[in-house]
Structures are given as structure tokens and as C-alpha cells.
N, C-alpha and C. Protein backbone atom coordinates (compact mmCIF):
# COMPACT_ATOMS: atom_id res chain seq x y z
N UNK A 1 34.24 207.43 -28.98
CA UNK A 1 34.29 208.03 -27.67
C UNK A 1 33.25 209.14 -27.55
N UNK A 2 33.09 209.93 -28.60
CA UNK A 2 32.11 211.02 -28.55
C UNK A 2 30.70 210.47 -28.36
N UNK A 3 30.37 209.40 -29.05
CA UNK A 3 29.05 208.79 -28.88
C UNK A 3 28.84 208.39 -27.43
N UNK A 4 29.81 207.76 -26.83
CA UNK A 4 29.68 207.29 -25.44
C UNK A 4 29.53 208.46 -24.48
N UNK A 5 30.31 209.52 -24.67
CA UNK A 5 30.18 210.68 -23.79
C UNK A 5 28.81 211.33 -23.93
N UNK A 6 28.35 211.51 -25.16
CA UNK A 6 27.05 212.16 -25.33
C UNK A 6 25.93 211.31 -24.75
N UNK A 7 25.99 210.02 -24.95
CA UNK A 7 24.99 209.13 -24.32
C UNK A 7 25.07 209.23 -22.79
N UNK A 8 26.29 209.24 -22.27
CA UNK A 8 26.48 209.29 -20.82
C UNK A 8 25.91 210.57 -20.22
N UNK A 9 26.21 211.72 -20.83
CA UNK A 9 25.80 213.00 -20.28
C UNK A 9 24.38 213.41 -20.66
N UNK A 10 23.91 212.99 -21.82
CA UNK A 10 22.63 213.53 -22.29
C UNK A 10 21.82 212.54 -23.11
N UNK A 11 22.02 211.25 -22.87
CA UNK A 11 21.29 210.24 -23.63
C UNK A 11 19.79 210.32 -23.44
N UNK A 12 19.35 210.96 -22.36
CA UNK A 12 17.91 211.12 -22.17
C UNK A 12 17.37 212.33 -22.92
N UNK A 13 18.25 213.16 -23.51
CA UNK A 13 17.82 214.34 -24.28
C UNK A 13 18.07 214.20 -25.78
N UNK A 14 18.97 213.31 -26.14
CA UNK A 14 19.34 213.14 -27.54
C UNK A 14 19.30 211.66 -27.92
N UNK A 15 18.89 211.41 -29.15
CA UNK A 15 19.06 210.08 -29.72
C UNK A 15 20.41 210.12 -30.42
N UNK A 16 21.36 209.35 -29.95
CA UNK A 16 22.76 209.47 -30.37
C UNK A 16 23.12 208.38 -31.36
N UNK A 17 23.71 208.80 -32.47
CA UNK A 17 24.22 207.88 -33.48
C UNK A 17 25.69 208.23 -33.72
N UNK A 18 26.43 207.27 -34.20
CA UNK A 18 27.82 207.51 -34.54
C UNK A 18 28.16 206.67 -35.75
N UNK A 19 28.93 207.26 -36.66
CA UNK A 19 29.34 206.54 -37.86
C UNK A 19 30.60 207.18 -38.42
N UNK A 20 31.26 206.45 -39.28
CA UNK A 20 32.48 206.95 -39.88
C UNK A 20 32.47 206.77 -41.38
N UNK A 21 33.44 207.40 -42.00
CA UNK A 21 33.57 207.30 -43.46
C UNK A 21 34.26 206.00 -43.86
N UNK A 22 35.13 205.50 -43.01
CA UNK A 22 35.86 204.26 -43.27
C UNK A 22 35.88 203.44 -41.98
N UNK A 23 34.75 202.86 -41.58
CA UNK A 23 34.71 202.15 -40.30
C UNK A 23 35.66 200.96 -40.27
N UNK A 24 36.40 200.88 -39.17
CA UNK A 24 37.40 199.81 -39.03
C UNK A 24 37.25 199.07 -37.71
N UNK A 25 36.15 199.27 -37.03
CA UNK A 25 35.99 198.68 -35.71
C UNK A 25 36.42 199.65 -34.64
N UNK A 26 36.05 199.36 -33.42
CA UNK A 26 36.41 200.24 -32.32
C UNK A 26 37.82 199.87 -31.85
N UNK A 27 38.67 200.86 -31.81
CA UNK A 27 40.07 200.64 -31.44
C UNK A 27 40.16 200.15 -29.99
N UNK A 28 40.97 199.15 -29.72
CA UNK A 28 41.10 198.64 -28.36
C UNK A 28 41.54 199.70 -27.34
N UNK A 29 42.35 200.66 -27.78
CA UNK A 29 42.77 201.71 -26.84
C UNK A 29 41.63 202.66 -26.52
N UNK A 30 40.70 202.84 -27.45
CA UNK A 30 39.51 203.64 -27.15
C UNK A 30 38.69 202.94 -26.07
N UNK A 31 38.53 201.65 -26.22
CA UNK A 31 37.80 200.86 -25.21
C UNK A 31 38.50 201.01 -23.86
N UNK A 32 39.80 200.87 -23.86
CA UNK A 32 40.57 200.92 -22.61
C UNK A 32 40.45 202.27 -21.90
N UNK A 33 40.66 203.37 -22.64
CA UNK A 33 40.65 204.68 -21.97
C UNK A 33 39.25 205.07 -21.51
N UNK A 34 38.23 204.60 -22.19
CA UNK A 34 36.87 204.90 -21.74
C UNK A 34 36.51 204.05 -20.51
N UNK A 35 36.93 202.80 -20.50
CA UNK A 35 36.68 201.96 -19.32
C UNK A 35 37.39 202.50 -18.09
N UNK A 36 38.55 203.13 -18.29
CA UNK A 36 39.29 203.71 -17.17
C UNK A 36 38.47 204.76 -16.41
N UNK A 37 37.57 205.44 -17.12
CA UNK A 37 36.76 206.48 -16.48
C UNK A 37 35.32 206.02 -16.25
N UNK A 38 35.09 204.72 -16.41
CA UNK A 38 33.78 204.17 -16.09
C UNK A 38 32.71 204.36 -17.14
N UNK A 39 33.12 204.61 -18.38
CA UNK A 39 32.15 204.75 -19.48
C UNK A 39 32.49 203.68 -20.51
N UNK A 40 31.91 202.50 -20.38
CA UNK A 40 32.23 201.42 -21.32
C UNK A 40 31.63 201.68 -22.70
N UNK A 41 32.25 201.12 -23.70
CA UNK A 41 31.77 201.25 -25.07
C UNK A 41 30.89 200.06 -25.46
N UNK A 42 30.42 199.34 -24.47
CA UNK A 42 29.56 198.19 -24.68
C UNK A 42 28.35 198.57 -25.53
N UNK A 43 28.06 197.75 -26.52
CA UNK A 43 26.90 198.00 -27.37
C UNK A 43 27.19 198.90 -28.55
N UNK A 44 28.33 199.57 -28.56
CA UNK A 44 28.68 200.42 -29.69
C UNK A 44 29.37 199.57 -30.75
N UNK A 45 29.24 200.01 -31.98
CA UNK A 45 29.91 199.32 -33.07
C UNK A 45 30.34 200.35 -34.10
N UNK A 46 31.24 199.95 -34.93
CA UNK A 46 31.74 200.80 -36.00
C UNK A 46 30.77 200.71 -37.17
N UNK A 47 30.18 201.85 -37.54
CA UNK A 47 29.19 201.87 -38.62
C UNK A 47 29.61 202.83 -39.71
N UNK A 48 29.11 202.59 -40.91
CA UNK A 48 29.37 203.47 -42.05
C UNK A 48 28.30 204.56 -42.09
N UNK A 49 28.73 205.77 -42.35
CA UNK A 49 27.81 206.91 -42.40
C UNK A 49 26.70 206.70 -43.44
N UNK A 50 26.99 205.93 -44.47
CA UNK A 50 25.98 205.68 -45.51
C UNK A 50 24.74 204.97 -44.97
N UNK A 51 24.87 204.30 -43.82
CA UNK A 51 23.71 203.65 -43.21
C UNK A 51 22.64 204.67 -42.79
N UNK A 52 23.05 205.91 -42.60
CA UNK A 52 22.13 206.92 -42.07
C UNK A 52 21.69 207.98 -43.06
N UNK A 53 22.51 208.25 -44.08
CA UNK A 53 22.18 209.31 -45.03
C UNK A 53 20.84 209.01 -45.70
N UNK A 54 19.93 209.93 -45.56
CA UNK A 54 18.60 209.78 -46.15
C UNK A 54 17.68 208.84 -45.38
N UNK A 55 18.17 208.24 -44.31
CA UNK A 55 17.37 207.29 -43.53
C UNK A 55 16.92 207.87 -42.19
N UNK A 56 17.74 208.74 -41.61
CA UNK A 56 17.47 209.28 -40.29
C UNK A 56 17.57 210.79 -40.36
N UNK A 57 16.60 211.48 -39.73
CA UNK A 57 16.67 212.94 -39.64
C UNK A 57 17.52 213.31 -38.42
N UNK A 58 18.49 214.18 -38.64
CA UNK A 58 19.36 214.61 -37.55
C UNK A 58 19.15 216.09 -37.26
N UNK A 59 19.01 216.41 -35.98
CA UNK A 59 18.98 217.80 -35.58
C UNK A 59 20.38 218.40 -35.62
N UNK A 60 21.35 217.57 -35.27
CA UNK A 60 22.75 217.99 -35.28
C UNK A 60 23.59 216.90 -35.95
N UNK A 61 24.57 217.34 -36.70
CA UNK A 61 25.61 216.45 -37.20
C UNK A 61 26.92 217.04 -36.71
N UNK A 62 27.66 216.23 -35.98
CA UNK A 62 28.93 216.68 -35.41
C UNK A 62 30.05 215.85 -36.02
N UNK A 63 30.97 216.52 -36.68
CA UNK A 63 32.15 215.82 -37.18
C UNK A 63 33.27 216.06 -36.19
N UNK A 64 34.04 215.01 -35.91
CA UNK A 64 35.06 215.11 -34.87
C UNK A 64 36.48 215.04 -35.40
N UNK A 65 36.65 215.10 -36.70
CA UNK A 65 38.01 215.22 -37.25
C UNK A 65 37.92 215.96 -38.58
N UNK A 66 38.99 216.65 -38.93
CA UNK A 66 38.97 217.46 -40.15
C UNK A 66 38.84 216.58 -41.39
N UNK A 67 39.40 215.40 -41.36
CA UNK A 67 39.29 214.48 -42.50
C UNK A 67 37.81 214.15 -42.75
N UNK A 68 37.10 213.85 -41.70
CA UNK A 68 35.67 213.54 -41.84
C UNK A 68 34.89 214.76 -42.27
N UNK A 69 35.23 215.91 -41.73
CA UNK A 69 34.51 217.14 -42.07
C UNK A 69 34.62 217.45 -43.55
N UNK A 70 35.80 217.25 -44.10
CA UNK A 70 36.02 217.53 -45.52
C UNK A 70 35.24 216.59 -46.43
N UNK A 71 34.99 215.36 -45.97
CA UNK A 71 34.36 214.35 -46.83
C UNK A 71 32.97 213.93 -46.38
N UNK A 72 32.46 214.55 -45.32
CA UNK A 72 31.16 214.16 -44.78
C UNK A 72 30.06 214.42 -45.79
N UNK A 73 29.19 213.45 -46.00
CA UNK A 73 28.09 213.66 -46.94
C UNK A 73 27.11 214.71 -46.41
N UNK A 74 26.30 215.19 -47.30
CA UNK A 74 25.28 216.17 -46.94
C UNK A 74 24.09 215.44 -46.33
N UNK A 75 23.71 215.87 -45.14
CA UNK A 75 22.51 215.34 -44.51
C UNK A 75 21.40 216.36 -44.71
N UNK A 76 20.32 215.97 -45.37
CA UNK A 76 19.24 216.94 -45.60
C UNK A 76 18.54 217.31 -44.30
N UNK A 77 18.11 218.55 -44.23
CA UNK A 77 17.26 219.04 -43.14
C UNK A 77 17.87 218.95 -41.76
N UNK A 78 19.18 219.11 -41.64
CA UNK A 78 19.75 219.14 -40.29
C UNK A 78 19.59 220.54 -39.74
N UNK A 79 19.45 220.64 -38.43
CA UNK A 79 19.33 221.95 -37.79
C UNK A 79 20.68 222.64 -37.72
N UNK A 80 21.71 221.86 -37.40
CA UNK A 80 23.02 222.45 -37.22
C UNK A 80 24.11 221.42 -37.47
N UNK A 81 25.16 221.87 -38.16
CA UNK A 81 26.34 221.03 -38.37
C UNK A 81 27.48 221.63 -37.57
N UNK A 82 28.06 220.83 -36.71
CA UNK A 82 29.14 221.28 -35.84
C UNK A 82 30.42 220.59 -36.25
N UNK A 83 31.51 221.35 -36.22
CA UNK A 83 32.81 220.82 -36.62
C UNK A 83 33.76 220.90 -35.43
N UNK A 84 34.14 219.75 -34.92
CA UNK A 84 35.06 219.67 -33.78
C UNK A 84 36.27 218.86 -34.23
N UNK A 85 37.30 219.51 -34.75
CA UNK A 85 38.43 218.80 -35.36
C UNK A 85 39.44 218.26 -34.35
N UNK A 86 39.18 217.10 -33.80
CA UNK A 86 40.12 216.43 -32.91
C UNK A 86 41.11 215.62 -33.74
N UNK A 87 42.31 215.44 -33.19
CA UNK A 87 43.27 214.54 -33.83
C UNK A 87 42.73 213.13 -33.79
N UNK A 88 43.12 212.32 -34.76
CA UNK A 88 42.75 210.91 -34.77
C UNK A 88 43.80 210.15 -33.96
N UNK A 89 43.45 209.70 -32.76
CA UNK A 89 44.47 209.03 -31.94
C UNK A 89 44.95 207.71 -32.54
N UNK A 90 44.14 207.09 -33.37
CA UNK A 90 44.55 205.82 -33.99
C UNK A 90 45.64 206.04 -35.03
N UNK A 91 45.84 207.27 -35.47
CA UNK A 91 46.86 207.56 -36.48
C UNK A 91 48.25 207.80 -35.88
N UNK A 92 48.33 207.86 -34.57
CA UNK A 92 49.61 208.14 -33.92
C UNK A 92 50.57 206.96 -34.09
N UNK A 93 51.79 207.30 -34.43
CA UNK A 93 52.84 206.29 -34.52
C UNK A 93 53.76 206.47 -33.33
N UNK A 94 54.44 205.43 -32.97
CA UNK A 94 55.38 205.52 -31.86
C UNK A 94 55.21 204.33 -30.94
N UNK A 95 55.63 204.52 -29.71
CA UNK A 95 55.56 203.44 -28.72
C UNK A 95 54.12 203.24 -28.26
N UNK A 96 53.90 202.14 -27.57
CA UNK A 96 52.58 201.89 -26.99
C UNK A 96 52.20 203.01 -26.02
N UNK A 97 53.18 203.52 -25.30
CA UNK A 97 52.93 204.62 -24.36
C UNK A 97 52.53 205.89 -25.09
N UNK A 98 53.16 206.17 -26.24
CA UNK A 98 52.80 207.33 -27.06
C UNK A 98 51.36 207.23 -27.54
N UNK A 99 51.01 206.05 -28.00
CA UNK A 99 49.65 205.84 -28.51
C UNK A 99 48.62 205.98 -27.40
N UNK A 100 48.89 205.38 -26.26
CA UNK A 100 47.96 205.46 -25.13
C UNK A 100 47.82 206.91 -24.66
N UNK A 101 48.93 207.64 -24.62
CA UNK A 101 48.90 209.04 -24.21
C UNK A 101 48.01 209.86 -25.15
N UNK A 102 48.08 209.58 -26.44
CA UNK A 102 47.25 210.32 -27.39
C UNK A 102 45.77 209.98 -27.20
N UNK A 103 45.46 208.71 -26.96
CA UNK A 103 44.07 208.34 -26.70
C UNK A 103 43.55 209.03 -25.44
N UNK A 104 44.38 209.11 -24.40
CA UNK A 104 43.97 209.83 -23.19
C UNK A 104 43.71 211.30 -23.50
N UNK A 105 44.62 211.92 -24.22
CA UNK A 105 44.48 213.35 -24.52
C UNK A 105 43.22 213.63 -25.34
N UNK A 106 42.99 212.85 -26.38
CA UNK A 106 41.81 213.08 -27.23
C UNK A 106 40.54 212.76 -26.46
N UNK A 107 40.56 211.70 -25.66
CA UNK A 107 39.39 211.39 -24.83
C UNK A 107 39.03 212.59 -23.96
N UNK A 108 40.02 213.18 -23.31
CA UNK A 108 39.77 214.30 -22.41
C UNK A 108 39.29 215.54 -23.17
N UNK A 109 39.83 215.75 -24.38
CA UNK A 109 39.38 216.88 -25.19
C UNK A 109 37.92 216.71 -25.61
N UNK A 110 37.57 215.50 -26.04
CA UNK A 110 36.18 215.23 -26.44
C UNK A 110 35.25 215.40 -25.24
N UNK A 111 35.64 214.89 -24.11
CA UNK A 111 34.84 215.03 -22.89
C UNK A 111 34.56 216.50 -22.59
N UNK A 112 35.62 217.31 -22.57
CA UNK A 112 35.45 218.74 -22.28
C UNK A 112 34.55 219.42 -23.30
N UNK A 113 34.76 219.12 -24.58
CA UNK A 113 33.99 219.80 -25.63
C UNK A 113 32.51 219.44 -25.54
N UNK A 114 32.20 218.20 -25.28
CA UNK A 114 30.79 217.79 -25.18
C UNK A 114 30.15 218.45 -23.96
N UNK A 115 30.83 218.45 -22.83
CA UNK A 115 30.26 219.09 -21.64
C UNK A 115 30.06 220.58 -21.87
N UNK A 116 30.99 221.24 -22.55
CA UNK A 116 30.82 222.67 -22.87
C UNK A 116 29.61 222.87 -23.77
N UNK A 117 29.50 222.06 -24.81
CA UNK A 117 28.40 222.18 -25.76
C UNK A 117 27.06 221.99 -25.08
N UNK A 118 27.00 221.06 -24.15
CA UNK A 118 25.73 220.80 -23.46
C UNK A 118 25.29 221.97 -22.58
N UNK A 119 26.22 222.84 -22.19
CA UNK A 119 25.85 224.00 -21.38
C UNK A 119 25.53 225.23 -22.23
N UNK A 120 25.83 225.18 -23.53
CA UNK A 120 25.55 226.31 -24.42
C UNK A 120 24.06 226.43 -24.70
N UNK A 121 23.55 227.66 -24.83
CA UNK A 121 22.13 227.80 -25.17
C UNK A 121 21.84 227.27 -26.56
N UNK A 122 20.67 226.71 -26.73
CA UNK A 122 20.24 226.18 -28.05
C UNK A 122 19.17 227.06 -28.61
């Protein structure tokens, strides 16, 4: 979701990549909640962070959960590492409504945080 928001708001200013420590595919509820607001996840895929370490220079590395932040590899020569610890909505247990509600909540939190970050001075 963070990749899609950053591309949507500032894809003309940033080259956006997204990867995880244990990629499992894009969760169907992530696809659903993003489509609800008109930001499809078309063209995105679940990638392993190892695909990028030492291959791509990053000005920023943003981790979006504390689990990833604790285990994220070191990227050489990054300008800034940002830590945005959102809950993992895919980890929620409960009813389908509970799960969907968590995806909505995290989607909205990520949206707000990215828009705030884009207005901050660099």
C-alpha cells in the first residue's frame, strides 16, 4: 500500500521500490481497500528485499513495520532511513469484518503519513 501511495502522490519525484523480508504475495484485502479509493495495485508484486541490497542506491529507505525495522538489512549510502511502524493488517485474526477494518485503518494511516512526509522540508 505504501508503494502505491508514494507512486500516486509523488511518482514523478521518486523512483519507488517496495520489498519485504518474507514476501508472500499481495494480500487480497490490500488490493480491495486500495481499489476502493481508486489506487489500484496493478503492476505491483511481492519482492524480496535481497533483490535490491547492493544493487540499487536508495536516497531513502522506509520501513513500515517494527518487525521489518528490526531485521532490515543495511543499505549502503542511503541518505535517510525512516521508521514508520504500522501494524501488519494481514496478522489480524478474527472475522472477515475485523480483518477488513484493520486493512482500512492501516491504509488510512499510511496515506496520512506519506502525505505528511511529502510536505516536510528535505
